[in-house]
Amino acid sequence: IEKMKGKIEGVIIILYNHSAEGEVSDIRHNNMGLIKSFMHTDFNHRSKTCCDVLFVSGQALNVKNLFFGLEIIKNVNEVNIFIA
């Protein structure tokens, strides 16, 4: 991801505990210029595991900042990026 340059498109998948939903939502809203569409689901109400799928398009630096911003949130278990 560090080597990406120029305009890129792809998908970011985030798995997190429900307690991190506010911070994830804030970052998502602050980056709506990059995020073309997204989906949210609660996998398991007992374990409170959530999943967001973000469809992104924009300058590599901005997408990287979004990715790394999500990765450092407490109770975010996993963040993956797939570049088209």
C-alpha atoms as a PDB file:
ATOM      1  CA  ILE A   1       0.000   0.000   0.000  1.00  0.00           C
ATOM      2  CA  GLU A   2       2.915   2.382   0.698  1.00  0.00           C
ATOM      3  CA  LYS A   3       4.058   2.192  -2.947  1.00  0.00           C
ATOM      4  CA  MET A   4       0.707   3.181  -4.494  1.00  0.00           C
ATOM      5  CA  LYS A   5       0.645   6.443  -6.453  1.00  0.00           C
ATOM      6  CA  GLY A   6      -1.797   8.366  -8.602  1.00  0.00           C
ATOM      7  CA  LYS A   7      -5.517   7.688  -8.750  1.00  0.00           C
ATOM      8  CA  ILE A   8      -6.586   4.293  -7.425  1.00  0.00           C
ATOM      9  CA  GLU A   9      -9.840   2.417  -6.957  1.00  0.00           C
ATOM     10  CA  GLY A  10     -10.659  -0.493  -4.720  1.00  0.00           C
ATOM     11  CA  VAL A  11     -12.418  -1.871  -1.681  1.00  0.00           C
ATOM     12  CA  ILE A  12     -11.617  -1.503   2.016  1.00  0.00           C
ATOM     13  CA  ILE A  13     -13.099  -4.100   4.383  1.00  0.00           C
ATOM     14  CA  ILE A  14     -13.214  -3.326   8.121  1.00  0.00           C
ATOM     15  CA  LEU A  15     -14.072  -5.763  10.928  1.00  0.00           C
ATOM     16  CA  TYR A  16     -14.606  -4.128  14.297  1.00  0.00           C
ATOM     17  CA  ASN A  17     -16.341  -4.297  17.639  1.00  0.00           C
ATOM     18  CA  HIS A  18     -19.558  -2.282  17.851  1.00  0.00           C
ATOM     19  CA  SER A  19     -17.895  -0.019  20.435  1.00  0.00           C
ATOM     20  CA  ALA A  20     -15.715   1.428  17.618  1.00  0.00           C
ATOM     21  CA  GLU A  21     -18.696   2.251  15.380  1.00  0.00           C
ATOM     22  CA  GLY A  22     -18.729   5.965  16.264  1.00  0.00           C
ATOM     23  CA  GLU A  23     -15.083   6.490  15.310  1.00  0.00           C
ATOM     24  CA  VAL A  24     -15.396   4.383  12.157  1.00  0.00           C
ATOM     25  CA  SER A  25     -18.482   6.365  11.171  1.00  0.00           C
ATOM     26  CA  ASP A  26     -16.698   9.686  11.787  1.00  0.00           C
ATOM     27  CA  ILE A  27     -13.796   8.696   9.531  1.00  0.00           C
ATOM     28  CA  ARG A  28     -16.217   7.408   6.902  1.00  0.00           C
ATOM     29  CA  HIS A  29     -18.162  10.686   6.916  1.00  0.00           C
ATOM     30  CA  ASN A  30     -14.962  12.760   6.775  1.00  0.00           C
ATOM     31  CA  ASN A  31     -13.880  10.855   3.650  1.00  0.00           C
ATOM     32  CA  MET A  32     -17.088  10.764   1.618  1.00  0.00           C
ATOM     33  CA  GLY A  33     -15.219  12.334  -1.298  1.00  0.00           C
ATOM     34  CA  LEU A  34     -13.227   9.091  -1.582  1.00  0.00           C
ATOM     35  CA  ILE A  35     -15.996   6.662  -0.677  1.00  0.00           C
ATOM     36  CA  LYS A  36     -18.318   5.999  -3.598  1.00  0.00           C
ATOM     37  CA  SER A  37     -20.546   3.564  -1.714  1.00  0.00           C
ATOM     38  CA  PHE A  38     -20.479   1.488   1.448  1.00  0.00           C
ATOM     39  CA  MET A  39     -22.257  -1.365   3.194  1.00  0.00           C
ATOM     40  CA  HIS A  40     -22.576  -2.067   6.906  1.00  0.00           C
ATOM     41  CA  THR A  41     -23.678  -5.242   8.641  1.00  0.00           C
ATOM     42  CA  ASP A  42     -23.737  -6.657  12.159  1.00  0.00           C
ATOM     43  CA  PHE A  43     -22.378 -10.179  11.877  1.00  0.00           C
ATOM     44  CA  ASN A  44     -23.218 -11.277  15.382  1.00  0.00           C
ATOM     45  CA  HIS A  45     -25.306  -9.376  17.909  1.00  0.00           C
ATOM     46  CA  ARG A  46     -23.875 -11.376  20.825  1.00  0.00           C
ATOM     47  CA  SER A  47     -20.219 -10.721  19.985  1.00  0.00           C
ATOM     48  CA  LYS A  48     -21.082  -7.259  18.609  1.00  0.00           C
ATOM     49  CA  THR A  49     -18.925  -7.766  15.510  1.00  0.00           C
ATOM     50  CA  CYS A  50     -19.537  -5.286  12.686  1.00  0.00           C
ATOM     51  CA  CYS A  51     -18.300  -5.203   9.106  1.00  0.00           C
ATOM     52  CA  ASP A  52     -18.094  -2.256   6.732  1.00  0.00           C
ATOM     53  CA  VAL A  53     -17.229  -2.517   3.050  1.00  0.00           C
ATOM     54  CA  LEU A  54     -16.080   0.786   1.530  1.00  0.00           C
ATOM     55  CA  PHE A  55     -15.821   1.234  -2.235  1.00  0.00           C
ATOM     56  CA  VAL A  56     -13.137   3.879  -2.745  1.00  0.00           C
ATOM     57  CA  SER A  57     -11.765   5.952  -5.610  1.00  0.00           C
ATOM     58  CA  GLY A  58      -9.254   8.777  -5.327  1.00  0.00           C
ATOM     59  CA  GLN A  59      -5.653   9.806  -4.966  1.00  0.00           C
ATOM     60  CA  ALA A  60      -3.487   7.088  -3.467  1.00  0.00           C
ATOM     61  CA  LEU A  61      -2.269   9.332  -0.636  1.00  0.00           C
ATOM     62  CA  ASN A  62      -5.837  10.051   0.474  1.00  0.00           C
ATOM     63  CA  VAL A  63      -6.870   6.389   0.262  1.00  0.00           C
ATOM     64  CA  LYS A  64      -3.779   5.412   2.279  1.00  0.00           C
ATOM     65  CA  ASN A  65      -4.628   8.010   4.927  1.00  0.00           C
ATOM     66  CA  LEU A  66      -8.162   6.601   5.132  1.00  0.00           C
ATOM     67  CA  PHE A  67      -6.839   3.043   5.436  1.00  0.00           C
ATOM     68  CA  PHE A  68      -4.283   3.864   8.130  1.00  0.00           C
ATOM     69  CA  GLY A  69      -6.789   6.066   9.999  1.00  0.00           C
ATOM     70  CA  LEU A  70      -9.183   3.130  10.262  1.00  0.00           C
ATOM     71  CA  GLU A  71      -6.416   0.708  11.205  1.00  0.00           C
ATOM     72  CA  ILE A  72      -5.405   2.613  14.362  1.00  0.00           C
ATOM     73  CA  ILE A  73      -8.883   2.846  15.917  1.00  0.00           C
ATOM     74  CA  LYS A  74      -9.202   0.944  19.171  1.00  0.00           C
ATOM     75  CA  ASN A  75     -11.405  -2.177  18.773  1.00  0.00           C
ATOM     76  CA  VAL A  76     -10.924  -2.327  15.010  1.00  0.00           C
ATOM     77  CA  ASN A  77      -9.882  -5.940  14.550  1.00  0.00           C
ATOM     78  CA  GLU A  78      -8.915  -5.963  10.893  1.00  0.00           C
ATOM     79  CA  VAL A  79      -8.671  -3.628   7.904  1.00  0.00           C
ATOM     80  CA  ASN A  80      -7.952  -4.976   4.414  1.00  0.00           C
ATOM     81  CA  ILE A  81      -7.630  -3.160   1.111  1.00  0.00           C
ATOM     82  CA  PHE A  82      -8.046  -4.614  -2.350  1.00  0.00           C
ATOM     83  CA  ILE A  83      -6.990  -2.465  -5.298  1.00  0.00           C
ATOM     84  CA  ALA A  84      -8.867  -2.906  -8.591  1.00  0.00           C
END
